[in-house]
Amino acid sequence: MGALAKVATAVLGLSFMVFVTFFGRLPAFRRTPVAWLYRLVWVHLPNGLIAIDERLTGGRTVAALTRFSSYIMYDRHPTVLIFFILLLTISTYLYLPSSWPLMAPIHKILSVPTILCPYLFLYLSAASDPGTITPSNLPREMARYPFDFSLFHPGARCRTCPPTSSQSGGQHGEEEGRAGEGGDQQGGQLKPARSKHCSLCRACIARCDHHCIFINNCVGAGNHHYFLLLLLSTAILTLYGGLLGTSLMTSQMRARFPGWKWAWWRASRGTLYGNRNGRDELGMPFTDWLITWSWGMQDGGRGSGGGVAMGAVTLLALMTSPLVWGLLGYHLWLVYCGTTTNESMKWADWQVEMDEGGVFKRKVNAEKRGRDLGVEPAWTRWPVEAEQVLVRTGDGKPPRGEGLLPGEGPWEAVWRLRDVENLYDLGWWDNLVDVLWPYYMFRDPYVPVAEDRVRRKKKRRARKIILA
């Protein structure tokens, strides 16, 4: 039991640290113990080790480790992807030989697609184009989403991607750096709304969510649906494998120890279990209940130790399943909110500015606003247009200069994200359609403008931000 407890503790500790590493920086966990632990592990402890290494080796050890960790975490290579594939393959190889003879026919049928689907969606997520923006598809990507004048402004350019010949002239709009992206007005390819340049993929990605090291690829408009299906299939695999392995082990444990039950206080309740120190014992003692579990996980009822691999994989699946389901739930929540991981961090920055009292908004009339067709599309497939402009000021006073910023009417101070319209949130169902069908046409290009305006008023309205 000692070895089993050590394995369980190690797997649980590793799963928790992976959770802290991936979720500790998210705005949802700001000012929580998860964020504090993230800063402790990835900020304060490294700073302490750096100070010690400076005294002992002049910083050479830390420099070498920094280069290695930077390569692993911030360079594009298939190391983590290969590890993920090996983890799936080795776990399946260890699990099936012991569990297959014990499975009912229905579980043998269900186990085949359950095992194969993560491989399929992993391949599709890693091999598919995430939505790379090139000069040839830039016009189509520009028409994917309108600019919201909050996070994304027309005229923002990528400092890395070269411009096309048709982009070399024309006026440049407001720098996207105002929205936290860091654009360059002097040159570079135009950046469509909701796009982001990935330094690892070395390209701008349409509706970029994040770069995932497990698929060695960005998660963007082109493969976001495959990524969600990968999370779903992996979550089902870990949960199904863990529960099935537990069921197989417990059935063998009940056959070997008829008085055993899930709850130790109910095991053989009211029946004579044994005699210790001259006294009859009613019910299974807690230590014997744990020993029975140890027997089930190490032997699995096979009688020759053949179930130890199945027990280990079952334990691994049960302890990693909450992490995978949590990651899936987080990304489904982002879909529900009509945002991405990248955009949620931008909105978190806006909330910080709001707390300091330097954010203002005013109305934008989409019908009267003049469009600069050199830097923004004349038409998009999205059913709604921006109805507000959001700006930040350094002195806490409303912006000055009516002709320099879009919009009309007085400026209104904004203190909460709930008071800001999220142009890209159409409701849960339409948000999901936008992810599953990347080029779904929410607006019919052949419908007259007047009729289309009536449709939009009756059909979809952008919802308020509900991230905070």
Protein backbone atom coordinates (compact mmCIF):
# COMPACT_ATOMS: atom_id res chain seq x y z
CA MET A 1 0.00 0.00 0.00
CA GLY A 2 2.94 2.30 0.61
CA ALA A 3 4.08 2.13 -2.99
CA LEU A 4 0.52 2.62 -4.23
CA ALA A 5 0.07 5.68 -2.05
CA LYS A 6 3.32 7.14 -3.38
CA VAL A 7 2.23 6.63 -6.98
CA ALA A 8 -1.17 8.18 -6.27
CA THR A 9 0.42 11.16 -4.52
CA ALA A 10 2.88 11.68 -7.38
CA VAL A 11 0.17 11.55 -10.06
CA LEU A 12 -2.12 13.86 -8.08
CA GLY A 13 0.71 16.32 -7.41
CA LEU A 14 1.76 16.33 -11.06
CA SER A 15 -1.83 16.91 -12.22
CA PHE A 16 -2.24 19.78 -9.78
CA MET A 17 1.00 21.45 -10.89
CA VAL A 18 -0.03 21.12 -14.54
CA PHE A 19 -3.32 22.78 -13.62
CA VAL A 20 -1.51 25.62 -11.84
CA THR A 21 0.91 26.06 -14.76
CA PHE A 22 -1.79 26.29 -17.43
CA PHE A 23 -4.49 28.14 -15.48
CA GLY A 24 -2.51 30.27 -13.02
CA ARG A 25 -2.22 33.24 -15.41
CA LEU A 26 -5.85 33.29 -16.49
CA PRO A 27 -7.93 36.30 -15.46
CA ALA A 28 -10.54 34.05 -13.84
CA PHE A 29 -8.00 32.95 -11.20
CA ARG A 30 -6.58 36.40 -10.50
CA ARG A 31 -6.42 37.12 -6.74
CA THR A 32 -6.92 33.42 -5.91
CA PRO A 33 -4.62 30.81 -4.30
CA VAL A 34 -4.06 29.33 -7.77
CA ALA A 35 -2.56 32.60 -9.04
CA TRP A 36 -0.54 32.98 -5.82
CA LEU A 37 0.87 29.46 -6.20
CA TYR A 38 1.67 30.16 -9.86
CA ARG A 39 3.68 33.26 -8.88
CA LEU A 40 5.41 31.31 -6.12
CA VAL A 41 6.43 28.42 -8.39
CA TRP A 42 7.16 30.32 -11.61
CA VAL A 43 8.26 33.77 -10.34
CA HIS A 44 9.50 33.88 -6.76
CA LEU A 45 11.26 30.49 -6.57
CA PRO A 46 13.08 31.00 -9.91
CA ASN A 47 14.19 34.45 -8.76
CA GLY A 48 15.60 32.92 -5.58
CA LEU A 49 17.41 30.20 -7.52
CA ILE A 50 18.81 32.81 -9.90
CA ALA A 51 20.24 34.76 -6.97
CA ILE A 52 21.86 31.62 -5.55
CA ASP A 53 23.26 30.61 -8.94
CA GLU A 54 24.73 34.09 -9.45
CA ARG A 55 26.82 33.59 -6.32
CA LEU A 56 27.85 29.99 -7.01
CA THR A 57 28.40 29.75 -10.79
CA GLY A 58 28.05 33.30 -12.03
CA GLY A 59 24.64 32.52 -13.56
CA ARG A 60 25.82 29.86 -16.03
CA THR A 61 23.52 27.11 -14.74
CA VAL A 62 20.42 29.28 -14.84
CA ALA A 63 21.33 30.54 -18.33
CA ALA A 64 21.57 26.97 -19.63
CA LEU A 65 18.30 25.94 -17.98
CA THR A 66 16.61 29.09 -19.31
CA ARG A 67 17.66 28.29 -22.86
CA PHE A 68 16.41 24.72 -22.49
CA SER A 69 13.06 25.72 -20.94
CA SER A 70 12.62 28.46 -23.52
CA TYR A 71 13.14 25.90 -26.28
CA ILE A 72 10.66 23.49 -24.69
CA MET A 73 7.95 26.04 -23.90
CA TYR A 74 8.42 28.84 -26.45
CA ASP A 75 9.76 27.22 -29.60
CA ARG A 76 7.84 25.19 -32.13
CA HIS A 77 8.86 21.55 -31.90
CA PRO A 78 6.96 18.25 -31.54
CA THR A 79 8.46 17.18 -28.19
CA VAL A 80 5.29 17.63 -26.12
CA LEU A 81 3.14 16.32 -28.98
CA ILE A 82 5.24 13.14 -29.14
CA PHE A 83 5.01 12.82 -25.35
CA PHE A 84 1.21 13.11 -25.56
CA ILE A 85 1.03 10.42 -28.26
CA LEU A 86 3.33 8.13 -26.26
CA LEU A 87 1.26 8.67 -23.13
CA LEU A 88 -1.91 7.63 -24.97
CA THR A 89 -0.25 4.67 -26.68
CA ILE A 90 1.62 3.27 -23.67
CA SER A 91 -1.41 3.65 -21.41
CA THR A 92 -3.57 1.78 -23.92
CA TYR A 93 -0.91 -0.93 -24.29
CA LEU A 94 -0.74 -1.43 -20.52
CA TYR A 95 -4.48 -1.21 -19.97
CA LEU A 96 -6.03 -3.46 -22.61
CA PRO A 97 -4.29 -6.84 -22.08
CA SER A 98 -5.51 -7.09 -18.48
CA SER A 99 -8.92 -5.50 -18.97
CA TRP A 100 -10.03 -6.93 -22.33
CA PRO A 101 -10.81 -10.49 -21.08
CA LEU A 102 -12.90 -9.01 -18.26
CA MET A 103 -14.92 -6.61 -20.44
CA ALA A 104 -18.52 -7.18 -21.41
CA PRO A 105 -19.17 -7.24 -25.19
CA ILE A 106 -20.74 -3.76 -25.14
CA HIS A 107 -17.62 -2.29 -23.55
CA LYS A 108 -15.40 -4.01 -26.12
CA ILE A 109 -17.44 -2.30 -28.85
CA LEU A 110 -17.45 1.12 -27.17
CA SER A 111 -13.77 1.01 -26.29
CA VAL A 112 -12.66 1.00 -29.95
CA PRO A 113 -14.02 4.48 -30.94
CA THR A 114 -13.23 5.80 -27.46
CA ILE A 115 -9.55 4.94 -27.94
CA LEU A 116 -9.29 5.98 -31.60
CA CYS A 117 -11.08 9.36 -31.46
CA PRO A 118 -8.34 11.20 -29.50
CA TYR A 119 -5.77 10.07 -32.09
CA LEU A 120 -8.01 11.26 -34.93
CA PHE A 121 -8.73 14.70 -33.48
CA LEU A 122 -5.14 15.11 -32.33
CA TYR A 123 -4.00 14.59 -35.92
CA LEU A 124 -6.63 16.98 -37.28
CA SER A 125 -5.78 19.64 -34.69
CA ALA A 126 -2.05 19.39 -35.33
CA ALA A 127 -2.11 18.99 -39.13
CA SER A 128 -4.89 21.44 -40.02
CA ASP A 129 -4.23 25.04 -40.93
CA PRO A 130 -5.30 27.05 -37.85
CA GLY A 131 -6.22 30.01 -40.02
CA THR A 132 -2.93 31.38 -41.29
CA ILE A 133 -3.44 34.79 -42.88
CA THR A 134 -1.61 35.24 -46.16
CA PRO A 135 -1.78 37.93 -48.85
CA SER A 136 -3.97 35.63 -50.94
CA ASN A 137 -6.67 35.07 -48.30
CA LEU A 138 -6.43 38.44 -46.53
CA PRO A 139 -9.58 39.89 -48.19
CA ARG A 140 -11.63 36.90 -47.06
CA GLU A 141 -10.23 37.07 -43.52
CA MET A 142 -10.92 40.80 -43.35
CA ALA A 143 -14.59 40.03 -44.11
CA ARG A 144 -14.81 37.40 -41.36
CA TYR A 145 -15.45 39.83 -38.47
CA PRO A 146 -16.05 43.58 -38.19
CA PHE A 147 -13.82 45.70 -35.98
CA ASP A 148 -15.32 46.35 -32.55
CA PHE A 149 -13.39 49.59 -31.82
CA SER A 150 -12.57 48.17 -28.39
CA LEU A 151 -10.08 45.34 -28.75
CA PHE A 152 -9.57 45.61 -32.49
CA HIS A 153 -9.31 48.76 -34.58
CA PRO A 154 -9.07 49.18 -38.35
CA GLY A 155 -5.62 49.97 -39.66
CA ALA A 156 -3.63 47.87 -37.21
CA ARG A 157 -0.68 46.21 -38.93
CA CYS A 158 1.58 43.30 -38.07
CA ARG A 159 5.19 44.33 -37.56
CA THR A 160 6.44 40.92 -38.72
CA CYS A 161 4.28 39.85 -41.66
CA PRO A 162 5.19 41.78 -44.86
CA PRO A 163 2.47 43.86 -46.53
CA THR A 164 1.01 43.14 -49.93
CA SER A 165 1.40 45.61 -52.76
CA SER A 166 -2.23 46.72 -52.37
CA GLN A 167 -1.58 47.61 -48.73
CA SER A 168 1.44 49.80 -49.28
CA GLY A 169 -0.64 52.95 -49.59
CA GLY A 170 -3.71 54.37 -47.95
CA GLN A 171 -4.34 55.79 -44.55
CA HIS A 172 -3.38 53.98 -41.38
CA GLY A 173 -5.92 53.83 -38.61
CA GLU A 174 -5.53 53.67 -34.89
CA GLU A 175 -2.71 51.51 -33.63
CA GLU A 176 -3.83 48.19 -32.22
CA GLY A 177 -1.41 48.64 -29.37
CA ARG A 178 -4.20 50.65 -27.75
CA ALA A 179 -6.06 47.39 -27.40
CA GLY A 180 -3.04 45.61 -26.01
CA GLU A 181 -1.85 43.93 -29.19
CA GLY A 182 1.07 46.07 -30.21
CA GLY A 183 0.60 47.07 -33.82
CA ASP A 184 2.88 49.03 -36.10
CA GLN A 185 1.55 51.85 -38.22
CA GLN A 186 4.57 52.21 -40.45
CA GLY A 187 4.28 48.95 -42.39
CA GLY A 188 3.32 45.32 -42.35
CA GLN A 189 0.31 43.26 -43.27
CA LEU A 190 -3.10 44.49 -42.18
CA LYS A 191 -4.49 42.60 -39.20
CA PRO A 192 -8.11 41.43 -39.46
CA ALA A 193 -10.34 41.69 -36.42
CA ARG A 194 -9.74 38.98 -33.79
CA SER A 195 -6.43 37.93 -35.38
CA LYS A 196 -3.12 37.68 -33.57
CA HIS A 197 0.46 37.15 -34.66
CA CYS A 198 1.99 33.96 -33.24
CA SER A 199 5.74 34.21 -32.73
CA LEU A 200 6.06 30.41 -32.78
CA CYS A 201 4.10 29.84 -35.98
CA ARG A 202 5.58 33.08 -37.41
CA ALA A 203 2.25 34.07 -38.91
CA CYS A 204 -0.94 35.95 -38.13
CA ILE A 205 -3.75 33.55 -37.16
CA ALA A 206 -7.44 34.26 -37.73
CA ARG A 207 -9.46 34.31 -34.49
CA CYS A 208 -6.40 33.14 -32.63
CA ASP A 209 -7.16 31.55 -29.26
CA HIS A 210 -3.70 30.43 -28.14
CA HIS A 211 -0.70 28.37 -29.22
CA CYS A 212 -1.01 24.86 -27.80
CA ILE A 213 2.20 22.91 -27.21
CA PHE A 214 0.26 19.63 -27.03
CA ILE A 215 -0.70 19.89 -30.70
CA ASN A 216 2.39 21.90 -31.74
CA ASN A 217 0.08 24.32 -33.47
CA CYS A 218 -2.03 27.39 -32.91
CA VAL A 219 -5.70 27.07 -32.05
CA GLY A 220 -7.48 29.38 -34.46
CA ALA A 221 -10.51 29.67 -36.70
CA GLY A 222 -9.38 26.78 -38.90
CA ASN A 223 -8.92 24.10 -36.22
CA HIS A 224 -10.74 25.36 -33.13
CA HIS A 225 -13.52 22.81 -33.66
CA TYR A 226 -11.01 19.97 -33.90
CA PHE A 227 -9.33 21.20 -30.71
CA LEU A 228 -12.63 21.16 -28.81
CA LEU A 229 -13.35 17.65 -30.11
CA LEU A 230 -9.85 16.59 -29.02
CA LEU A 231 -10.54 17.85 -25.49
CA LEU A 232 -13.95 16.18 -25.47
CA SER A 233 -12.69 12.82 -26.75
CA THR A 234 -9.71 12.85 -24.35
CA ALA A 235 -11.98 13.76 -21.43
CA ILE A 236 -14.34 10.91 -22.32
CA LEU A 237 -11.40 8.52 -22.71
CA THR A 238 -9.92 9.30 -19.30
CA LEU A 239 -13.29 9.21 -17.53
CA TYR A 240 -14.52 6.07 -19.30
CA GLY A 241 -11.20 4.27 -18.86
CA GLY A 242 -10.99 5.21 -15.18
CA LEU A 243 -14.56 4.18 -14.38
CA LEU A 244 -14.37 0.98 -16.43
CA GLY A 245 -11.09 -0.03 -14.80
CA THR A 246 -12.53 0.69 -11.37
CA SER A 247 -15.64 -1.36 -12.18
CA LEU A 248 -13.56 -4.31 -13.36
CA MET A 249 -11.36 -4.19 -10.27
CA THR A 250 -14.24 -3.87 -7.83
CA SER A 251 -16.10 -6.78 -9.42
CA GLN A 252 -13.06 -8.96 -8.86
CA MET A 253 -12.65 -7.62 -5.33
CA ARG A 254 -16.25 -8.49 -4.47
CA ALA A 255 -15.76 -11.99 -5.85
CA ARG A 256 -12.64 -12.49 -3.74
CA PHE A 257 -13.95 -10.65 -0.63
CA PRO A 258 -17.77 -10.97 -0.56
CA GLY A 259 -18.12 -8.52 2.32
CA TRP A 260 -16.31 -5.66 0.56
CA LYS A 261 -18.23 -2.50 -0.37
CA TRP A 262 -17.36 0.92 -1.78
CA ALA A 263 -17.96 2.62 1.58
CA TRP A 264 -15.76 0.98 4.17
CA TRP A 265 -18.20 1.73 6.99
CA ARG A 266 -20.82 -0.34 5.15
CA ALA A 267 -18.51 -3.27 4.37
CA SER A 268 -19.97 -6.44 5.94
CA ARG A 269 -22.00 -4.32 8.35
CA GLY A 270 -23.68 -6.48 10.96
CA THR A 271 -21.81 -9.66 9.99
CA LEU A 272 -19.00 -11.39 11.78
CA TYR A 273 -15.78 -10.45 10.01
CA GLY A 274 -13.18 -12.03 12.30
CA ASN A 275 -11.79 -12.38 15.78
CA ARG A 276 -8.97 -10.22 17.03
CA ASN A 277 -7.55 -10.23 20.54
CA GLY A 278 -10.30 -12.57 21.67
CA ARG A 279 -13.10 -10.24 20.45
CA ASP A 280 -15.46 -10.73 17.57
CA GLU A 281 -15.37 -7.92 14.96
CA LEU A 282 -18.46 -6.83 13.08
CA GLY A 283 -17.70 -5.29 9.68
CA MET A 284 -14.46 -4.95 7.74
CA PRO A 285 -11.81 -2.84 9.48
CA PHE A 286 -10.58 0.21 7.60
CA THR A 287 -7.05 -1.20 7.23
CA ASP A 288 -8.41 -4.40 5.67
CA TRP A 289 -10.61 -2.31 3.35
CA LEU A 290 -7.51 -0.46 2.13
CA ILE A 291 -5.59 -3.72 1.75
CA THR A 292 -8.43 -5.05 -0.39
CA TRP A 293 -8.14 -1.97 -2.61
CA SER A 294 -4.40 -2.53 -2.84
CA TRP A 295 -4.96 -6.15 -3.87
CA GLY A 296 -7.49 -5.09 -6.49
CA MET A 297 -5.20 -2.45 -8.03
CA GLN A 298 -2.07 -4.59 -7.98
CA ASP A 299 -3.52 -7.95 -9.02
CA GLY A 300 -6.87 -6.90 -10.45
CA GLY A 301 -8.23 -10.34 -9.72
CA ARG A 302 -5.83 -11.92 -12.20
CA GLY A 303 -4.11 -13.90 -9.53
CA SER A 304 -0.61 -13.43 -10.99
CA GLY A 305 -0.05 -9.71 -10.74
CA GLY A 306 -1.24 -9.16 -14.31
CA GLY A 307 -3.62 -6.40 -13.25
CA VAL A 308 -1.01 -4.02 -11.85
CA ALA A 309 -0.69 -2.23 -15.19
CA MET A 310 -4.45 -1.83 -15.48
CA GLY A 311 -4.61 -0.52 -11.91
CA ALA A 312 -1.86 2.03 -12.55
CA VAL A 313 -3.47 3.31 -15.76
CA THR A 314 -6.87 3.42 -14.07
CA LEU A 315 -5.42 5.54 -11.28
CA LEU A 316 -3.72 7.83 -13.80
CA ALA A 317 -6.95 8.23 -15.78
CA LEU A 318 -9.04 9.03 -12.71
CA MET A 319 -6.59 11.67 -11.48
CA THR A 320 -6.03 13.39 -14.84
CA SER A 321 -9.67 13.31 -15.95
CA PRO A 322 -10.72 16.34 -13.82
CA LEU A 323 -7.90 18.37 -15.40
CA VAL A 324 -9.04 17.54 -18.94
CA TRP A 325 -12.70 18.16 -18.13
CA GLY A 326 -11.75 21.46 -16.50
CA LEU A 327 -9.84 22.55 -19.60
CA LEU A 328 -12.79 21.55 -21.80
CA GLY A 329 -15.20 23.42 -19.53
CA TYR A 330 -13.04 26.54 -19.66
CA HIS A 331 -12.94 26.59 -23.46
CA LEU A 332 -16.68 25.95 -23.69
CA TRP A 333 -17.17 28.86 -21.31
CA LEU A 334 -15.12 31.05 -23.66
CA VAL A 335 -17.37 29.95 -26.53
CA TYR A 336 -20.41 30.79 -24.43
CA CYS A 337 -18.95 34.25 -23.74
CA GLY A 338 -18.14 34.80 -27.42
CA THR A 339 -14.44 35.35 -26.79
CA THR A 340 -11.07 33.60 -26.92
CA THR A 341 -8.21 33.07 -24.50
CA ASN A 342 -6.33 35.92 -26.15
CA GLU A 343 -9.34 38.24 -25.98
CA SER A 344 -10.17 37.34 -22.38
CA MET A 345 -6.72 38.55 -21.34
CA LYS A 346 -7.30 41.77 -23.27
CA TRP A 347 -10.62 42.29 -21.50
CA ALA A 348 -8.88 41.66 -18.18
CA ASP A 349 -6.46 44.48 -19.05
CA TRP A 350 -9.44 46.72 -19.80
CA GLN A 351 -10.90 45.89 -16.38
CA VAL A 352 -7.66 47.03 -14.74
CA GLU A 353 -7.93 50.30 -16.65
CA MET A 354 -11.56 50.63 -15.58
CA ASP A 355 -10.60 50.16 -11.94
CA GLU A 356 -8.24 53.10 -12.32
CA GLY A 357 -10.97 55.27 -13.84
CA GLY A 358 -9.47 55.89 -17.25
CA VAL A 359 -11.92 54.18 -19.65
CA PHE A 360 -14.64 55.95 -21.63
CA LYS A 361 -17.10 54.95 -24.33
CA ARG A 362 -19.52 56.58 -26.72
CA LYS A 363 -21.91 55.47 -29.42
CA VAL A 364 -20.93 54.63 -32.98
CA ASN A 365 -23.50 54.84 -35.76
CA ALA A 366 -22.55 52.05 -38.14
CA GLU A 367 -24.75 53.44 -40.92
CA LYS A 368 -23.35 56.97 -40.79
CA ARG A 369 -19.76 56.11 -40.00
CA GLY A 370 -17.52 56.48 -43.00
CA ARG A 371 -15.38 53.48 -43.83
CA ASP A 372 -11.80 53.69 -44.99
CA LEU A 373 -11.86 50.83 -47.49
CA GLY A 374 -8.09 50.84 -47.57
CA VAL A 375 -7.87 49.37 -44.07
CA GLU A 376 -11.29 47.80 -43.34
CA PRO A 377 -13.75 45.68 -45.32
CA ALA A 378 -16.84 47.08 -46.99
CA TRP A 379 -18.86 44.03 -45.90
CA THR A 380 -18.52 41.23 -43.34
CA ARG A 381 -20.41 38.01 -42.77
CA TRP A 382 -21.13 39.04 -39.14
CA PRO A 383 -24.78 40.01 -38.46
CA VAL A 384 -24.02 43.03 -36.22
CA GLU A 385 -21.73 46.04 -36.38
CA ALA A 386 -19.93 47.99 -33.68
CA GLU A 387 -22.19 50.32 -31.74
CA GLN A 388 -19.59 51.79 -29.41
CA VAL A 389 -15.99 52.92 -29.26
CA LEU A 390 -13.94 52.23 -26.15
CA VAL A 391 -10.87 54.32 -25.30
CA ARG A 392 -8.50 54.74 -22.37
CA THR A 393 -6.98 57.98 -21.18
CA GLY A 394 -4.01 58.57 -18.93
CA ASP A 395 -5.48 61.46 -16.93
CA GLY A 396 -8.88 59.99 -16.15
CA LYS A 397 -10.65 62.65 -18.20
CA PRO A 398 -12.77 62.16 -21.32
CA PRO A 399 -10.86 62.24 -24.63
CA ARG A 400 -10.47 65.57 -26.38
CA GLY A 401 -10.55 66.15 -30.11
CA GLU A 402 -13.90 65.21 -31.61
CA GLY A 403 -12.60 64.63 -35.12
CA LEU A 404 -9.78 62.27 -34.15
CA LEU A 405 -11.85 59.39 -32.73
CA PRO A 406 -14.87 57.60 -34.21
CA GLY A 407 -18.30 57.89 -32.66
CA GLU A 408 -20.68 60.66 -31.81
CA GLY A 409 -22.18 62.16 -28.68
CA PRO A 410 -20.75 62.61 -25.18
CA TRP A 411 -18.21 60.32 -23.60
CA GLU A 412 -19.38 58.10 -20.74
CA ALA A 413 -17.11 56.70 -18.03
CA VAL A 414 -17.03 52.89 -17.85
CA TRP A 415 -16.31 51.07 -14.60
CA ARG A 416 -17.39 47.48 -15.31
CA LEU A 417 -17.07 45.08 -18.21
CA ARG A 418 -20.76 44.36 -17.89
CA ASP A 419 -21.42 47.84 -19.22
CA VAL A 420 -19.53 47.13 -22.46
CA GLU A 421 -21.00 45.39 -25.47
CA ASN A 422 -19.13 42.36 -26.79
CA LEU A 423 -19.62 42.52 -30.55
CA TYR A 424 -18.55 38.89 -31.00
CA ASP A 425 -21.06 37.33 -28.59
CA LEU A 426 -24.22 36.29 -30.46
CA GLY A 427 -25.47 33.85 -27.86
CA TRP A 428 -24.44 30.31 -27.03
CA TRP A 429 -25.83 28.58 -30.11
CA ASP A 430 -24.56 31.07 -32.68
CA ASN A 431 -21.17 31.25 -30.95
CA LEU A 432 -20.92 27.47 -31.18
CA VAL A 433 -21.94 27.54 -34.85
CA ASP A 434 -19.20 30.09 -35.49
CA VAL A 435 -16.62 27.72 -33.97
CA LEU A 436 -17.87 24.50 -35.58
CA TRP A 437 -18.42 26.06 -39.03
CA PRO A 438 -15.61 28.62 -39.40
CA TYR A 439 -17.01 30.25 -42.56
CA TYR A 440 -20.70 30.09 -41.71
CA MET A 441 -22.49 33.03 -43.35
CA PHE A 442 -24.51 34.79 -40.68
CA ARG A 443 -25.42 37.48 -43.20
CA ASP A 444 -26.71 36.79 -46.71
CA PRO A 445 -24.63 38.79 -49.20
CA TYR A 446 -27.47 38.72 -51.75
CA VAL A 447 -30.11 40.27 -49.46
CA PRO A 448 -30.68 44.00 -50.05
CA VAL A 449 -29.21 46.30 -47.44
CA ALA A 450 -32.56 47.61 -46.19
CA GLU A 451 -34.02 44.12 -45.73
CA ASP A 452 -30.80 42.89 -44.11
CA ARG A 453 -30.96 45.76 -41.60
CA VAL A 454 -34.47 44.69 -40.56
CA ARG A 455 -33.36 41.09 -40.20
CA ARG A 456 -30.46 42.04 -37.96
CA LYS A 457 -32.72 44.08 -35.68
CA LYS A 458 -35.07 41.16 -35.28
CA LYS A 459 -32.51 38.40 -35.09
CA ARG A 460 -29.22 38.89 -33.26
CA ARG A 461 -27.81 41.48 -30.94
CA ALA A 462 -24.35 41.54 -29.42
CA ARG A 463 -24.45 40.69 -25.75
CA LYS A 464 -22.78 42.28 -22.81
CA ILE A 465 -19.46 40.92 -21.59
CA ILE A 466 -19.96 38.43 -18.76
CA LEU A 467 -16.36 37.48 -18.04
CA ALA A 468 -16.28 39.52 -14.83
